[in-house]
Amino acid sequence: MKTLIKDVDIVTLDEKGTVIRGGALAIDGAHIVAVGEAPVEFVPDTTIDGTNHVAVPGFFNAHCHASMSLVRGYAEDLPLDRWFNERVWVAESALGPEEVRAGALLAACEMIRSGTVAFNDHYFYMDHVAEVVEASGMRASLTWCQFGLGADKEVGADLEGALAFAERWNGKADGRIRAMLGPHSPYVCPPAFLREIAALAKEKGLGLHIHIAESEEQVSRSLAAHGVTPARLLEETGVLDVPTIAAHALYLSDDDVAILARHGTTVAYCPITYMKLAMGPGDVPRLLRAGVNVALGTDGPASNNDMDMKEAVRFLPLLQKLACRDAEVIAGDASLRIATQAGARAMGFSKAGVLEAGRPADLVLFDFDKPHLVPRHDLVANLVHAAKGSDVSHVFVAGNLLYANGTILTLDEEKIRAEAERAAFRMVSRDLTVLREYQS
């Protein structure tokens, strides 16, 4: 299938930061074959008029819990400990495969509509999420969360089952699915389990996806219990010896930052969750200066409350400018790069995130024929600070058109919304219990 997008403005996010006005973008199969001018011999099967539109690489959501879309609005205005103990972990006591599937389908619709082409998911009953990814046409890196407190404390699968899932799905859906192993966090998982899962990941050639250093209290408890910070504990247990995505990592010493940089660890930063749960802003410029790969995520809809990466693209620089009291940090296209190519690298899709010939055709068109996107002095500034997820008009993944002018082409959105509503209320109407306790 050959597609030509003509007369379109293009924010390439290449090394030079090239922006092309009124150019063409040619797609042949799964890849981009030309940017700027289409070869005269290129004969498209489909032509899209890109007038008043801007093409940009699609977003890679580096940390989320997609199926938590079913508890959107269920855990409001609570600090982190009460958010876990009184609402989220209680609701999840009624979680089953049907709820995970319904939630993942709903999240896929939301993500596609707002320009996300791939997501890094950390949850339960992940075969059902993988099936959603396969059907939707998206890319994903998928992890079956493990607590390491005994098989009876796991949700749906123990470590052996989580590994079997990873081996079943890694590389499937024409290479659109990657799989990892997922210890929940060093504040839940015992060190012995962290060593076990890290050794297994290394043996099997898999990465790890984990939460760390979300609060000052977590760091204090780690120092009291283990004599080291969470980041140092991950190094000592071998977790960082494989490609690792560390979600949050807000409270880090200079030594911690050096550890993450030395091991090539990615930090997945989720600014909206940090504001909503009053967790703190972290220090992204410090991580970037140290050479840490920082990627962008939404986290789950229970704490965000949406999965709109475009919203996160805006709040990343705003929160960091405020926290650092420096208007020049995370400037220009930095936020877009963090939301695209940094996440793509972390999730195992390293060639994505740039619009140039030979790259995967994972791209989004924004409709700029809107009052809030005029005038167009600076297309990058308009994308970062003015555009909304609802301005997305087209989404391509591997050259396939998933979304066009308000319609998702791969999923039955109306049916999905109705079933998600039923599944959400069915879930929270069951007998709920406390599965585990978060200690602040």
Protein backbone atom coordinates (compact mmCIF):
# COMPACT_ATOMS: atom_id res chain seq x y z
CA MET A 1 0.00 0.00 0.00
CA LYS A 2 1.41 3.37 -1.05
CA THR A 3 0.20 6.58 0.55
CA LEU A 4 1.07 10.16 -0.36
CA ILE A 5 0.40 13.02 2.04
CA LYS A 6 0.72 16.20 -0.01
CA ASP A 7 0.98 19.90 0.88
CA VAL A 8 1.64 19.11 4.54
CA ASP A 9 3.87 20.87 7.05
CA ILE A 10 6.33 18.37 8.55
CA VAL A 11 8.08 18.47 11.93
CA THR A 12 10.63 15.75 11.28
CA LEU A 13 12.40 15.66 14.68
CA ASP A 14 15.56 14.65 12.82
CA GLU A 15 19.01 15.53 14.17
CA LYS A 16 18.84 19.03 12.69
CA GLY A 17 15.28 19.70 13.82
CA THR A 18 14.18 20.15 10.22
CA VAL A 19 10.74 21.66 9.68
CA ILE A 20 9.30 21.55 6.16
CA ARG A 21 6.44 23.79 5.05
CA GLY A 22 4.08 22.56 2.37
CA GLY A 23 5.97 19.38 1.58
CA ALA A 24 5.11 15.79 0.78
CA LEU A 25 5.44 12.60 2.76
CA ALA A 26 5.48 9.29 0.88
CA ILE A 27 4.78 5.93 2.53
CA ASP A 28 5.37 2.56 0.91
CA GLY A 29 4.28 -0.41 3.00
CA ALA A 30 5.48 -0.02 6.58
CA HIS A 31 8.09 2.66 5.92
CA ILE A 32 8.54 6.26 4.91
CA VAL A 33 10.25 6.48 1.52
CA ALA A 34 10.42 10.25 1.03
CA VAL A 35 10.04 13.43 3.08
CA GLY A 36 9.81 16.88 1.50
CA GLU A 37 9.37 15.87 -2.12
CA ALA A 38 7.90 12.63 -3.44
CA PRO A 39 9.83 10.93 -6.27
CA VAL A 40 8.21 11.48 -9.65
CA GLU A 41 7.96 7.71 -10.09
CA PHE A 42 6.03 7.29 -6.81
CA VAL A 43 2.43 6.36 -7.70
CA PRO A 44 0.24 6.29 -4.57
CA ASP A 45 -2.77 4.10 -3.97
CA THR A 46 -4.14 6.78 -1.64
CA THR A 47 -3.52 10.52 -1.50
CA ILE A 48 -4.28 12.65 1.56
CA ASP A 49 -4.53 16.43 1.28
CA GLY A 50 -2.34 17.77 4.07
CA THR A 51 -3.29 21.44 3.65
CA ASN A 52 -3.49 23.11 7.08
CA HIS A 53 -2.11 19.95 8.70
CA VAL A 54 1.17 19.20 10.47
CA ALA A 55 2.84 15.79 10.41
CA VAL A 56 4.85 14.69 13.44
CA PRO A 57 6.14 11.32 14.71
CA GLY A 58 3.51 9.45 16.72
CA PHE A 59 3.72 9.40 20.50
CA PHE A 60 5.25 6.52 22.48
CA ASN A 61 3.63 6.32 25.92
CA ALA A 62 6.52 5.04 28.04
CA HIS A 63 4.57 4.11 31.18
CA CYS A 64 0.91 3.34 31.64
CA HIS A 65 -1.67 0.95 33.03
CA ALA A 66 -4.15 0.96 30.17
CA SER A 67 -6.87 -1.17 31.74
CA MET A 68 -7.09 1.21 34.69
CA SER A 69 -9.30 3.25 32.38
CA LEU A 70 -12.11 1.36 34.17
CA VAL A 71 -11.30 3.18 37.43
CA ARG A 72 -11.07 6.63 35.89
CA GLY A 73 -12.62 9.02 38.43
CA TYR A 74 -12.73 6.35 41.15
CA ALA A 75 -9.79 7.53 43.29
CA GLU A 76 -9.99 11.30 43.50
CA ASP A 77 -8.19 13.94 45.55
CA LEU A 78 -6.14 11.53 47.65
CA PRO A 79 -2.43 11.37 48.53
CA LEU A 80 -0.46 8.40 47.21
CA ASP A 81 -0.88 6.11 50.23
CA ARG A 82 -4.65 6.57 50.49
CA TRP A 83 -4.99 6.44 46.71
CA PHE A 84 -3.51 2.92 46.80
CA ASN A 85 -5.00 1.62 50.05
CA GLU A 86 -8.51 3.03 49.97
CA ARG A 87 -9.34 2.89 46.29
CA VAL A 88 -7.03 1.47 43.64
CA TRP A 89 -5.73 -1.73 45.19
CA VAL A 90 -9.21 -2.34 46.63
CA ALA A 91 -10.89 -2.00 43.22
CA GLU A 92 -8.29 -4.28 41.70
CA SER A 93 -9.33 -7.07 44.06
CA ALA A 94 -12.31 -7.54 41.71
CA LEU A 95 -10.20 -7.41 38.57
CA GLY A 96 -10.47 -10.25 36.06
CA PRO A 97 -9.56 -10.96 32.44
CA GLU A 98 -12.81 -9.50 31.09
CA GLU A 99 -12.23 -6.20 32.87
CA VAL A 100 -8.64 -6.01 31.64
CA ARG A 101 -9.76 -6.58 28.06
CA ALA A 102 -12.57 -4.01 28.28
CA GLY A 103 -10.26 -1.44 29.85
CA ALA A 104 -7.49 -2.02 27.34
CA LEU A 105 -9.89 -1.63 24.42
CA LEU A 106 -11.20 1.64 25.85
CA ALA A 107 -7.65 2.91 26.40
CA ALA A 108 -6.63 1.93 22.88
CA CYS A 109 -9.45 4.05 21.46
CA GLU A 110 -8.42 7.00 23.61
CA MET A 111 -4.74 6.67 22.75
CA ILE A 112 -5.26 6.30 19.01
CA ARG A 113 -7.58 9.33 18.92
CA SER A 114 -4.93 11.51 20.59
CA GLY A 115 -1.94 10.44 18.53
CA THR A 116 -0.32 7.63 20.51
CA VAL A 117 1.10 4.91 18.29
CA ALA A 118 2.68 2.74 21.02
CA PHE A 119 2.38 2.20 24.76
CA ASN A 120 4.41 0.53 27.51
CA ASP A 121 1.89 -1.27 29.72
CA HIS A 122 2.46 -2.73 33.18
CA TYR A 123 -0.55 -4.64 34.46
CA PHE A 124 -2.26 -8.05 34.73
CA TYR A 125 -3.91 -10.65 32.44
CA MET A 126 -1.69 -9.33 29.71
CA ASP A 127 -2.63 -11.84 27.02
CA HIS A 128 -5.86 -9.87 26.71
CA VAL A 129 -3.95 -6.61 26.32
CA ALA A 130 -1.75 -8.22 23.68
CA GLU A 131 -4.84 -9.29 21.75
CA VAL A 132 -6.10 -5.70 21.86
CA VAL A 133 -2.77 -4.44 20.53
CA GLU A 134 -2.86 -7.00 17.74
CA ALA A 135 -6.40 -6.00 16.73
CA SER A 136 -5.89 -2.24 17.05
CA GLY A 137 -2.80 -2.00 14.87
CA MET A 138 -0.81 -0.20 17.57
CA ARG A 139 2.64 -1.06 18.89
CA ALA A 140 3.25 -1.94 22.53
CA SER A 141 5.72 -3.18 25.09
CA LEU A 142 3.84 -5.35 27.57
CA THR A 143 4.64 -6.48 31.10
CA TRP A 144 2.73 -8.77 33.48
CA CYS A 145 3.24 -7.11 36.87
CA GLN A 146 4.77 -9.23 39.64
CA PHE A 147 4.84 -8.48 43.38
CA GLY A 148 7.23 -11.26 44.42
CA LEU A 149 5.38 -12.02 47.65
CA GLY A 150 4.41 -15.60 46.80
CA ALA A 151 2.34 -17.15 44.02
CA ASP A 152 -0.88 -16.70 45.98
CA LYS A 153 -0.31 -12.92 46.09
CA GLU A 154 0.12 -12.51 42.34
CA VAL A 155 -2.71 -11.45 40.02
CA GLY A 156 -3.40 -14.00 37.29
CA ALA A 157 0.12 -15.37 36.90
CA ASP A 158 3.23 -16.07 38.96
CA LEU A 159 6.72 -15.39 37.62
CA GLU A 160 6.69 -18.58 35.55
CA GLY A 161 3.40 -17.50 34.01
CA ALA A 162 4.65 -13.97 33.37
CA LEU A 163 7.69 -15.37 31.59
CA ALA A 164 5.49 -17.68 29.52
CA PHE A 165 3.42 -14.66 28.49
CA ALA A 166 6.55 -12.75 27.47
CA GLU A 167 7.82 -15.65 25.40
CA ARG A 168 4.40 -16.14 23.78
CA TRP A 169 4.03 -12.57 22.61
CA ASN A 170 7.50 -11.06 22.18
CA GLY A 171 7.86 -10.14 18.50
CA LYS A 172 4.29 -11.05 17.58
CA ALA A 173 1.79 -8.95 15.58
CA ASP A 174 4.34 -8.47 12.78
CA GLY A 175 6.88 -7.24 15.32
CA ARG A 176 4.56 -4.62 16.81
CA ILE A 177 4.60 -6.27 20.25
CA ARG A 178 7.57 -6.40 22.60
CA ALA A 179 7.41 -8.10 25.99
CA MET A 180 9.30 -7.48 29.23
CA LEU A 181 9.26 -8.72 32.81
CA GLY A 182 7.77 -6.43 35.44
CA PRO A 183 8.63 -6.43 39.14
CA HIS A 184 6.28 -3.88 40.66
CA SER A 185 8.80 -1.91 42.70
CA PRO A 186 11.58 -2.21 45.28
CA TYR A 187 9.14 -1.04 47.95
CA VAL A 188 6.95 -4.11 47.32
CA CYS A 189 9.29 -6.77 45.90
CA PRO A 190 11.82 -8.33 48.31
CA PRO A 191 15.49 -8.09 47.24
CA ALA A 192 15.67 -11.86 46.73
CA PHE A 193 12.84 -11.65 44.22
CA LEU A 194 14.46 -8.71 42.44
CA ARG A 195 17.61 -10.82 42.04
CA GLU A 196 15.57 -13.75 40.75
CA ILE A 197 13.63 -11.79 38.16
CA ALA A 198 16.71 -9.82 37.07
CA ALA A 199 18.66 -13.05 36.51
CA LEU A 200 15.75 -14.51 34.55
CA ALA A 201 15.45 -11.40 32.38
CA LYS A 202 19.17 -11.51 31.64
CA GLU A 203 19.02 -15.22 30.79
CA LYS A 204 16.05 -14.79 28.46
CA GLY A 205 17.18 -11.54 26.85
CA LEU A 206 14.25 -9.51 28.17
CA GLY A 207 14.03 -6.03 29.62
CA LEU A 208 12.43 -4.96 32.89
CA HIS A 209 9.76 -2.37 33.71
CA ILE A 210 9.56 -1.20 37.34
CA HIS A 211 8.41 1.71 39.54
CA ILE A 212 11.03 3.41 41.75
CA ALA A 213 11.54 6.38 44.08
CA GLU A 214 8.04 7.84 43.86
CA SER A 215 8.26 9.55 47.25
CA GLU A 216 10.75 10.68 49.86
CA GLU A 217 9.20 8.12 52.22
CA GLN A 218 10.06 5.28 49.85
CA VAL A 219 13.69 6.38 49.84
CA SER A 220 13.77 6.65 53.64
CA ARG A 221 12.23 3.19 54.04
CA SER A 222 14.75 1.71 51.61
CA LEU A 223 17.64 3.24 53.53
CA ALA A 224 16.22 1.93 56.80
CA ALA A 225 15.49 -1.58 55.51
CA HIS A 226 18.37 -2.15 53.11
CA GLY A 227 20.95 0.53 53.84
CA VAL A 228 20.79 1.82 50.26
CA THR A 229 18.55 3.96 48.07
CA PRO A 230 16.06 2.31 45.68
CA ALA A 231 18.31 3.00 42.69
CA ARG A 232 21.33 1.49 44.42
CA LEU A 233 19.22 -1.53 45.42
CA LEU A 234 18.26 -2.08 41.79
CA GLU A 235 21.92 -1.97 40.84
CA GLU A 236 22.93 -4.39 43.60
CA THR A 237 20.20 -6.88 42.69
CA GLY A 238 21.08 -6.86 38.98
CA VAL A 239 17.88 -5.19 37.81
CA LEU A 240 19.83 -2.54 35.93
CA ASP A 241 22.02 -5.11 34.15
CA VAL A 242 19.31 -5.48 31.50
CA PRO A 243 17.46 -2.72 29.60
CA THR A 244 15.19 -1.24 32.26
CA ILE A 245 12.43 1.33 32.22
CA ALA A 246 12.18 2.92 35.66
CA ALA A 247 8.87 4.69 36.08
CA HIS A 248 8.89 7.94 38.04
CA ALA A 249 12.32 8.06 39.78
CA LEU A 250 11.44 11.41 41.33
CA TYR A 251 13.66 11.29 44.41
CA LEU A 252 17.24 10.60 43.38
CA SER A 253 20.60 11.54 44.81
CA ASP A 254 23.41 12.57 42.49
CA ASP A 255 24.82 9.07 42.95
CA ASP A 256 21.45 7.58 41.96
CA VAL A 257 21.39 9.64 38.77
CA ALA A 258 24.90 8.46 37.93
CA ILE A 259 23.83 4.84 38.50
CA LEU A 260 20.91 5.16 36.08
CA ALA A 261 23.07 6.89 33.48
CA ARG A 262 25.83 4.30 33.78
CA HIS A 263 23.43 1.43 33.15
CA GLY A 264 21.52 3.07 30.30
CA THR A 265 18.29 2.99 32.28
CA THR A 266 15.30 4.91 30.94
CA VAL A 267 13.26 7.05 33.32
CA ALA A 268 9.58 7.23 32.36
CA TYR A 269 8.27 10.61 33.51
CA CYS A 270 4.51 11.13 34.05
CA PRO A 271 3.97 14.80 34.95
CA ILE A 272 0.19 14.83 35.32
CA THR A 273 0.17 12.07 37.93
CA TYR A 274 2.83 13.91 39.93
CA MET A 275 0.74 17.06 40.03
CA LYS A 276 -2.55 15.31 40.78
CA LEU A 277 -1.19 13.14 43.61
CA ALA A 278 1.12 15.92 44.87
CA MET A 279 4.12 13.63 44.50
CA GLY A 280 6.63 16.28 43.45
CA PRO A 281 8.12 17.40 40.12
CA GLY A 282 11.41 15.52 39.99
CA ASP A 283 14.30 17.08 38.06
CA VAL A 284 14.29 16.19 34.38
CA PRO A 285 17.04 18.63 33.32
CA ARG A 286 19.43 16.99 35.82
CA LEU A 287 18.67 13.56 34.35
CA LEU A 288 19.19 14.81 30.80
CA ARG A 289 22.49 16.50 31.70
CA ALA A 290 23.71 13.19 33.10
CA GLY A 291 22.81 11.37 29.89
CA VAL A 292 19.79 9.47 31.20
CA ASN A 293 17.24 8.58 28.54
CA VAL A 294 14.05 10.29 29.74
CA ALA A 295 10.79 9.21 28.12
CA LEU A 296 7.25 10.46 28.66
CA GLY A 297 4.21 8.61 29.96
CA THR A 298 0.66 9.23 31.05
CA ASP A 299 0.59 6.67 33.89
CA GLY A 300 -2.85 5.14 34.43
CA PRO A 301 -6.24 6.84 34.10
CA ALA A 302 -6.80 6.36 37.83
CA SER A 303 -4.18 9.03 38.50
CA ASN A 304 -4.09 11.15 35.34
CA ASN A 305 -7.18 10.85 34.49
CA ASP A 306 -6.67 10.31 30.78
CA MET A 307 -4.17 8.80 28.37
CA ASP A 308 -3.68 11.84 26.17
CA MET A 309 0.05 12.06 25.49
CA LYS A 310 -0.34 15.48 23.88
CA GLU A 311 -1.45 16.79 27.25
CA ALA A 312 1.65 15.27 28.85
CA VAL A 313 3.81 16.85 26.14
CA ARG A 314 2.62 20.26 27.29
CA PHE A 315 2.80 19.67 31.04
CA LEU A 316 6.35 18.25 30.98
CA PRO A 317 8.01 21.59 30.13
CA LEU A 318 5.53 23.65 32.14
CA LEU A 319 6.09 21.67 35.34
CA GLN A 320 9.87 21.65 34.92
CA LYS A 321 10.06 25.38 34.13
CA LEU A 322 8.11 26.07 37.31
CA ALA A 323 10.03 23.61 39.48
CA CYS A 324 13.43 24.81 38.23
CA ARG A 325 12.35 28.47 38.14
CA ASP A 326 13.97 28.54 34.72
CA ALA A 327 11.97 29.35 31.58
CA GLU A 328 14.70 27.95 29.34
CA VAL A 329 14.59 24.29 30.41
CA ILE A 330 12.91 21.63 28.23
CA ALA A 331 12.79 24.18 25.41
CA GLY A 332 11.86 23.95 21.74
CA ASP A 333 11.16 20.44 20.50
CA ALA A 334 12.68 18.70 23.56
CA SER A 335 9.30 17.65 24.91
CA LEU A 336 8.28 16.20 21.54
CA ARG A 337 11.53 14.23 21.31
CA ILE A 338 11.04 12.86 24.82
CA ALA A 339 7.48 11.83 23.88
CA THR A 340 8.52 10.10 20.65
CA GLN A 341 12.04 8.88 19.96
CA ALA A 342 13.10 8.52 23.61
CA GLY A 343 10.12 6.28 24.33
CA ALA A 344 10.61 4.38 21.08
CA ARG A 345 14.21 3.57 22.04
CA ALA A 346 13.20 2.42 25.51
CA MET A 347 10.43 0.16 24.22
CA GLY A 348 12.54 -1.57 21.59
CA PHE A 349 11.40 0.37 18.52
CA SER A 350 14.61 2.34 18.12
CA LYS A 351 14.13 3.31 14.46
CA ALA A 352 10.83 5.08 15.14
CA GLY A 353 10.31 8.65 16.31
CA VAL A 354 11.77 10.50 13.30
CA LEU A 355 10.15 11.38 9.98
CA GLU A 356 12.77 10.57 7.36
CA ALA A 357 13.22 8.07 4.56
CA GLY A 358 13.73 4.51 5.74
CA ARG A 359 12.06 5.02 9.10
CA PRO A 360 8.87 3.25 10.22
CA ALA A 361 5.74 5.06 9.08
CA ASP A 362 4.50 5.74 12.62
CA LEU A 363 3.14 9.26 12.33
CA VAL A 364 0.32 11.59 13.20
CA LEU A 365 -1.35 14.50 11.43
CA PHE A 366 -2.64 17.44 13.45
CA ASP A 367 -5.38 19.61 11.97
CA PHE A 368 -4.09 23.17 12.38
CA ASP A 369 -7.17 24.78 10.85
CA LYS A 370 -8.30 25.82 14.35
CA PRO A 371 -8.40 29.22 16.09
CA HIS A 372 -6.02 28.10 18.85
CA LEU A 373 -3.41 27.06 16.26
CA VAL A 374 -3.30 30.37 14.37
CA PRO A 375 -1.00 32.18 13.68
CA ARG A 376 1.76 29.71 12.84
CA HIS A 377 4.91 31.61 13.75
CA ASP A 378 6.44 28.46 15.22
CA LEU A 379 4.96 25.06 14.39
CA VAL A 380 6.88 23.35 17.19
CA ALA A 381 5.66 25.82 19.81
CA ASN A 382 2.11 25.40 18.55
CA LEU A 383 2.42 21.62 18.79
CA VAL A 384 3.87 21.66 22.30
CA HIS A 385 1.89 24.44 23.93
CA ALA A 386 -1.34 24.95 21.94
CA ALA A 387 -2.34 21.77 20.12
CA LYS A 388 -4.67 19.30 21.80
CA GLY A 389 -5.03 15.56 21.41
CA SER A 390 -8.43 16.20 19.86
CA ASP A 391 -6.70 18.06 17.01
CA VAL A 392 -5.28 14.77 15.69
CA SER A 393 -6.87 13.93 12.34
CA HIS A 394 -4.89 10.89 11.12
CA VAL A 395 -2.77 8.20 12.78
CA PHE A 396 -0.48 5.77 10.94
CA VAL A 397 1.37 2.80 12.46
CA ALA A 398 3.70 0.76 10.25
CA GLY A 399 2.12 2.50 7.27
CA ASN A 400 -1.40 1.41 8.18
CA LEU A 401 -4.04 4.09 8.72
CA LEU A 402 -5.64 3.49 12.12
CA TYR A 403 -7.60 6.73 12.48
CA ALA A 404 -8.98 9.27 10.02
CA ASN A 405 -11.09 12.36 10.64
CA GLY A 406 -12.86 11.17 13.77
CA THR A 407 -13.15 7.46 12.99
CA ILE A 408 -11.05 4.62 14.38
CA LEU A 409 -10.68 2.20 11.50
CA THR A 410 -9.53 -0.90 13.40
CA LEU A 411 -11.86 -1.03 16.42
CA ASP A 412 -15.61 -0.71 17.06
CA GLU A 413 -15.45 2.31 19.34
CA GLU A 414 -19.17 2.58 20.07
CA LYS A 415 -19.36 -1.04 21.20
CA ILE A 416 -16.16 -0.67 23.22
CA ARG A 417 -17.42 2.39 25.12
CA ALA A 418 -20.66 0.63 26.06
CA GLU A 419 -18.92 -2.53 27.25
CA ALA A 420 -16.34 -0.54 29.24
CA GLU A 421 -19.10 1.29 31.09
CA ARG A 422 -20.74 -2.01 32.00
CA ALA A 423 -17.45 -3.65 32.98
CA ALA A 424 -16.40 -0.75 35.19
CA PHE A 425 -19.56 -0.73 37.27
CA ARG A 426 -19.68 -4.52 37.37
CA MET A 427 -16.14 -4.52 38.76
CA VAL A 428 -16.64 -2.01 41.58
CA SER A 429 -20.03 -3.50 42.53
CA ARG A 430 -18.43 -6.79 43.57
CA ASP A 431 -17.26 -7.65 47.08
CA LEU A 432 -14.04 -5.69 47.36
CA THR A 433 -11.19 -6.37 49.74
CA VAL A 434 -7.70 -5.09 50.55
CA LEU A 435 -5.15 -7.19 48.65
CA ARG A 436 -2.03 -5.50 50.01
CA GLU A 437 -1.09 -2.33 51.84
CA TYR A 438 1.03 0.55 50.64
CA GLN A 439 3.12 1.97 53.47
CA SER A 440 4.18 5.57 53.15
